[in-house]
Amino acid sequence: MRLLCVLYVLSVSIANQSAVAQKAENPAYAAIDDKPGLPRVLLLGDSISIGYTVDVRQMLEGVANVHRPATNCSSTRTGAENTAKWLGDKPWDVIHFNFGLHDQKFVVGNDATLVDVNTPDSHHQVALVEYVENLEKIVVELKKSGAKLIWCATTPVPEGAKGRIPSDTAKYNAAALALMNKHEIAVNDLYAFALPQLAKIQRPKDVHYTPAGSKVLAGRVVEAITGQLPK
């Protein structure tokens, strides 16, 4: 029994070390040393934003210090719980943020694991009504920073992608847009930008993008951020 316990502890330790190593190896999670005199930009979002983070940094080199949390920001539930922590105690000039793909995914019970939409008892991880409530909590917290805020519309779900219904994205985006209009927040419609070129920039039957596709998204993100930077 003691041997089994020791082996279990070792396996958990190795798994944790592996997770830390993978996290450290992702350049999007790299700690940024601010260059004095440049505005500070914060990117918040899921794996889509992780995919374009490095390209955004490179495109804004010498223009802005671009940061992001060293994590996948996941759903609005995670965002509502962690936004204050992600903001930290330093000032921000521009915050570009998105939540949506994780909220729309189908899960069973309280498990966050994505399942096929036809799985018995499956449901959206975060229903539309709760999504808007959580998103407003995030917006209220972000506004406390005094930064210029940019809501990034959730990118399209292609046909054949597991665990999501493509038409749900437009519904969640419409609800988010109404909230952003209410709070007078700028919008980067990355959904409309990506939709006509999905075949070229997105992985087949996958919500994620090719490296080249992420770079295309980064260009649009940079345009949106640049328009909000201090003159």
Protein backbone atom coordinates (compact mmCIF):
# COMPACT_ATOMS: atom_id res chain seq x y z
CA MET A 1 0.00 0.00 0.00
CA ARG A 2 2.81 2.38 0.94
CA LEU A 3 4.50 1.67 -2.40
CA LEU A 4 1.28 2.47 -4.25
CA CYS A 5 0.96 5.76 -2.39
CA VAL A 6 4.54 6.68 -3.24
CA LEU A 7 3.98 5.82 -6.90
CA TYR A 8 0.79 7.89 -6.95
CA VAL A 9 2.53 10.92 -5.45
CA LEU A 10 5.35 10.58 -7.96
CA SER A 11 2.92 10.35 -10.88
CA VAL A 12 1.05 13.45 -9.73
CA SER A 13 4.32 15.32 -9.27
CA ILE A 14 5.51 14.36 -12.75
CA ALA A 15 2.18 15.39 -14.27
CA ASN A 16 2.33 18.75 -12.51
CA GLN A 17 5.90 19.32 -13.64
CA SER A 18 4.89 18.45 -17.20
CA ALA A 19 2.00 20.92 -17.08
CA VAL A 20 4.31 23.65 -15.74
CA ALA A 21 6.86 22.88 -18.46
CA GLN A 22 4.25 23.07 -21.20
CA LYS A 23 3.02 26.36 -19.79
CA ALA A 24 6.54 27.77 -19.65
CA GLU A 25 7.24 26.69 -23.20
CA ASN A 26 4.28 28.60 -24.64
CA PRO A 27 5.73 31.94 -25.80
CA ALA A 28 2.31 33.59 -25.46
CA TYR A 29 2.69 33.14 -21.69
CA ALA A 30 6.10 34.77 -21.52
CA ALA A 31 6.55 37.46 -18.90
CA ILE A 32 6.92 40.87 -20.51
CA ASP A 33 9.39 43.48 -19.32
CA ASP A 34 7.74 46.80 -20.08
CA LYS A 35 9.68 49.24 -22.20
CA PRO A 36 9.40 52.64 -20.51
CA GLY A 37 7.25 55.22 -22.22
CA LEU A 38 5.13 52.74 -24.17
CA PRO A 39 1.42 52.14 -23.43
CA ARG A 40 0.39 48.89 -21.75
CA VAL A 41 -2.03 46.56 -23.54
CA LEU A 42 -3.77 43.52 -22.03
CA LEU A 43 -5.18 40.64 -24.09
CA LEU A 44 -7.83 38.48 -22.43
CA GLY A 45 -9.30 35.42 -24.11
CA ASP A 46 -9.20 31.70 -24.79
CA SER A 47 -6.96 29.64 -27.07
CA ILE A 48 -7.85 31.74 -30.11
CA SER A 49 -6.29 34.79 -28.44
CA ILE A 50 -3.39 32.68 -27.22
CA GLY A 51 -2.79 31.78 -30.85
CA TYR A 52 -2.45 35.39 -31.99
CA THR A 53 -0.73 36.84 -28.90
CA VAL A 54 2.88 36.48 -30.09
CA ASP A 55 2.08 37.92 -33.52
CA VAL A 56 0.32 40.89 -31.91
CA ARG A 57 3.37 41.51 -29.74
CA GLN A 58 5.67 41.39 -32.73
CA MET A 59 3.47 43.71 -34.78
CA LEU A 60 3.30 46.20 -31.90
CA GLU A 61 7.00 46.00 -31.08
CA GLY A 62 8.17 49.51 -30.15
CA VAL A 63 4.57 50.72 -30.07
CA ALA A 64 3.07 49.03 -27.01
CA ASN A 65 3.84 46.54 -24.25
CA VAL A 66 1.47 43.63 -24.86
CA HIS A 67 0.59 41.34 -21.95
CA ARG A 68 -1.80 38.46 -21.33
CA PRO A 69 -2.46 36.13 -18.37
CA ALA A 70 -0.36 32.97 -18.48
CA THR A 71 -3.49 30.90 -18.89
CA ASN A 72 -6.49 30.16 -21.06
CA CYS A 73 -9.13 32.63 -19.84
CA SER A 74 -11.81 30.05 -20.69
CA SER A 75 -15.51 30.86 -20.08
CA THR A 76 -17.20 33.91 -18.59
CA ARG A 77 -17.47 32.01 -15.30
CA THR A 78 -13.68 31.86 -15.14
CA GLY A 79 -13.47 35.45 -16.31
CA ALA A 80 -15.89 36.76 -13.68
CA GLU A 81 -13.88 35.01 -10.98
CA ASN A 82 -10.42 36.09 -12.16
CA THR A 83 -10.64 39.46 -13.94
CA ALA A 84 -9.54 41.47 -10.92
CA LYS A 85 -6.50 39.18 -10.51
CA TRP A 86 -5.64 39.43 -14.19
CA LEU A 87 -5.78 43.22 -14.04
CA GLY A 88 -3.29 43.29 -11.20
CA ASP A 89 -2.17 46.58 -9.68
CA LYS A 90 -0.50 48.22 -12.69
CA PRO A 91 -2.24 50.63 -15.08
CA TRP A 92 -3.55 49.59 -18.49
CA ASP A 93 -4.09 51.77 -21.54
CA VAL A 94 -6.01 49.30 -23.73
CA ILE A 95 -7.69 45.99 -22.91
CA HIS A 96 -8.80 43.72 -25.77
CA PHE A 97 -11.04 40.92 -24.45
CA ASN A 98 -13.20 38.00 -25.56
CA PHE A 99 -15.23 35.20 -23.99
CA GLY A 100 -17.59 32.89 -25.84
CA LEU A 101 -16.26 29.66 -27.31
CA HIS A 102 -16.02 27.96 -23.92
CA ASP A 103 -19.46 29.18 -22.89
CA GLN A 104 -20.96 27.72 -26.08
CA LYS A 105 -19.38 24.30 -25.81
CA PHE A 106 -21.49 21.29 -24.84
CA VAL A 107 -20.69 19.51 -21.59
CA VAL A 108 -22.37 17.09 -19.20
CA GLY A 109 -23.13 18.19 -15.66
CA ASN A 110 -20.43 20.38 -14.13
CA ASP A 111 -17.63 18.74 -16.08
CA ALA A 112 -15.94 21.22 -18.42
CA THR A 113 -14.91 18.49 -20.87
CA LEU A 114 -16.28 19.13 -24.37
CA VAL A 115 -18.68 16.44 -25.63
CA ASP A 116 -20.64 15.82 -28.81
CA VAL A 117 -23.80 17.94 -28.97
CA ASN A 118 -25.92 14.76 -29.20
CA THR A 119 -24.56 13.33 -25.97
CA PRO A 120 -27.43 12.54 -23.55
CA ASP A 121 -27.95 15.24 -20.89
CA SER A 122 -25.43 17.56 -22.57
CA HIS A 123 -25.90 21.33 -22.46
CA HIS A 124 -24.02 24.57 -23.00
CA GLN A 125 -21.32 25.05 -20.41
CA VAL A 126 -22.76 28.53 -19.79
CA ALA A 127 -26.31 29.26 -20.94
CA LEU A 128 -26.88 32.49 -22.86
CA VAL A 129 -28.62 34.28 -19.97
CA GLU A 130 -25.79 33.50 -17.55
CA TYR A 131 -23.24 34.37 -20.23
CA VAL A 132 -24.58 37.93 -20.41
CA GLU A 133 -24.70 38.22 -16.61
CA ASN A 134 -21.10 37.03 -16.27
CA LEU A 135 -19.92 39.19 -19.13
CA GLU A 136 -21.40 42.27 -17.50
CA LYS A 137 -19.53 41.46 -14.28
CA ILE A 138 -16.32 41.26 -16.33
CA VAL A 139 -17.07 44.55 -18.08
CA VAL A 140 -17.78 46.33 -14.80
CA GLU A 141 -14.47 45.09 -13.40
CA LEU A 142 -12.55 46.05 -16.53
CA LYS A 143 -14.00 49.56 -16.54
CA LYS A 144 -12.49 50.14 -13.09
CA SER A 145 -9.06 50.06 -14.76
CA GLY A 146 -9.80 53.22 -16.71
CA ALA A 147 -8.39 51.59 -19.85
CA LYS A 148 -9.87 51.82 -23.32
CA LEU A 149 -11.84 48.60 -23.74
CA ILE A 150 -12.31 46.59 -26.94
CA TRP A 151 -14.73 43.68 -27.07
CA CYS A 152 -13.61 41.07 -29.58
CA ALA A 153 -16.48 39.14 -31.17
CA THR A 154 -16.15 35.38 -30.86
CA THR A 155 -14.77 33.76 -34.01
CA PRO A 156 -16.88 31.29 -36.06
CA VAL A 157 -17.48 27.63 -35.29
CA PRO A 158 -17.12 25.70 -38.57
CA GLU A 159 -19.44 22.91 -39.63
CA GLY A 160 -18.23 19.58 -38.32
CA ALA A 161 -16.45 20.96 -35.26
CA LYS A 162 -17.15 18.75 -32.25
CA GLY A 163 -19.05 20.00 -29.23
CA ARG A 164 -20.52 23.23 -30.55
CA ILE A 165 -23.35 24.38 -32.81
CA PRO A 166 -22.13 26.87 -35.45
CA SER A 167 -25.26 29.05 -35.27
CA ASP A 168 -24.85 29.55 -31.50
CA THR A 169 -21.90 31.88 -32.03
CA ALA A 170 -24.05 34.52 -33.72
CA LYS A 171 -26.54 34.36 -30.82
CA TYR A 172 -23.86 34.78 -28.17
CA ASN A 173 -22.19 37.55 -30.17
CA ALA A 174 -25.48 39.41 -30.60
CA ALA A 175 -26.12 39.30 -26.86
CA ALA A 176 -22.57 40.46 -26.16
CA LEU A 177 -22.87 43.28 -28.71
CA ALA A 178 -26.03 44.60 -27.05
CA LEU A 179 -24.15 44.67 -23.75
CA MET A 180 -21.15 46.46 -25.28
CA ASN A 181 -23.43 49.07 -26.85
CA LYS A 182 -25.02 49.61 -23.45
CA HIS A 183 -21.59 50.23 -21.91
CA GLU A 184 -20.32 52.17 -24.96
CA ILE A 185 -17.41 49.78 -25.53
CA ALA A 186 -15.58 49.56 -28.85
CA VAL A 187 -16.04 46.33 -30.82
CA ASN A 188 -13.58 44.37 -32.93
CA ASP A 189 -15.86 42.18 -35.08
CA LEU A 190 -13.40 39.35 -35.56
CA TYR A 191 -16.31 37.04 -36.40
CA ALA A 192 -17.25 39.01 -39.52
CA PHE A 193 -13.57 39.42 -40.39
CA ALA A 194 -12.79 35.70 -40.20
CA LEU A 195 -15.99 34.24 -41.63
CA PRO A 196 -15.34 34.83 -45.38
CA GLN A 197 -11.83 33.36 -45.19
CA LEU A 198 -12.26 30.37 -42.87
CA ALA A 199 -11.23 27.88 -45.56
CA LYS A 200 -7.85 29.63 -45.80
CA ILE A 201 -7.09 30.42 -42.17
CA GLN A 202 -8.92 27.90 -39.97
CA ARG A 203 -8.16 24.24 -39.33
CA PRO A 204 -10.73 21.86 -40.90
CA LYS A 205 -13.70 21.11 -38.62
CA ASP A 206 -11.90 22.90 -35.80
CA VAL A 207 -12.45 26.26 -34.08
CA HIS A 208 -8.69 26.83 -34.02
CA TYR A 209 -6.52 28.48 -36.66
CA THR A 210 -3.38 27.57 -38.53
CA PRO A 211 -0.26 29.57 -37.56
CA ALA A 212 -0.73 31.64 -40.72
CA GLY A 213 -4.40 32.09 -39.85
CA SER A 214 -3.59 33.30 -36.35
CA LYS A 215 -1.26 35.86 -37.91
CA VAL A 216 -4.12 37.10 -40.11
CA LEU A 217 -6.30 37.50 -37.00
CA ALA A 218 -3.43 39.26 -35.23
CA GLY A 219 -3.34 41.90 -37.96
CA ARG A 220 -6.99 42.74 -37.36
CA VAL A 221 -6.48 42.77 -33.59
CA VAL A 222 -3.55 45.16 -33.99
CA GLU A 223 -5.69 47.49 -36.09
CA ALA A 224 -8.33 47.57 -33.36
CA ILE A 225 -5.79 48.17 -30.59
CA THR A 226 -3.88 50.83 -32.51
CA GLY A 227 -7.07 52.81 -32.97
CA GLN A 228 -7.47 53.01 -29.17
CA LEU A 229 -3.88 53.72 -28.15
CA PRO A 230 -3.06 57.13 -26.62
CA LYS A 231 -2.14 59.63 -29.31
